[in-house]
């Protein structure tokens, strides 16, 4: 559970007080297929991962995760 007061967001997030973050797990193939209904975040994350042009290796994002909906 992510409590917004724990991360200092209670002054600008009115509701809810937090949310269950859960965990995403599963492999996504590249390119992401239309039937996956990938979010823009997943698309950008996939492209950054494929291009791999990141100056600092600690900044490389993890592979996107796909789960059935």
Foldseek 3Di string as FASTA:
>chain_A
DDACVVVPCCVPDPDDRGDDPDDFAADADPPHDVVQVDDPVLNVLQVCQVVVPDPDPVPNDDHDGGDDD
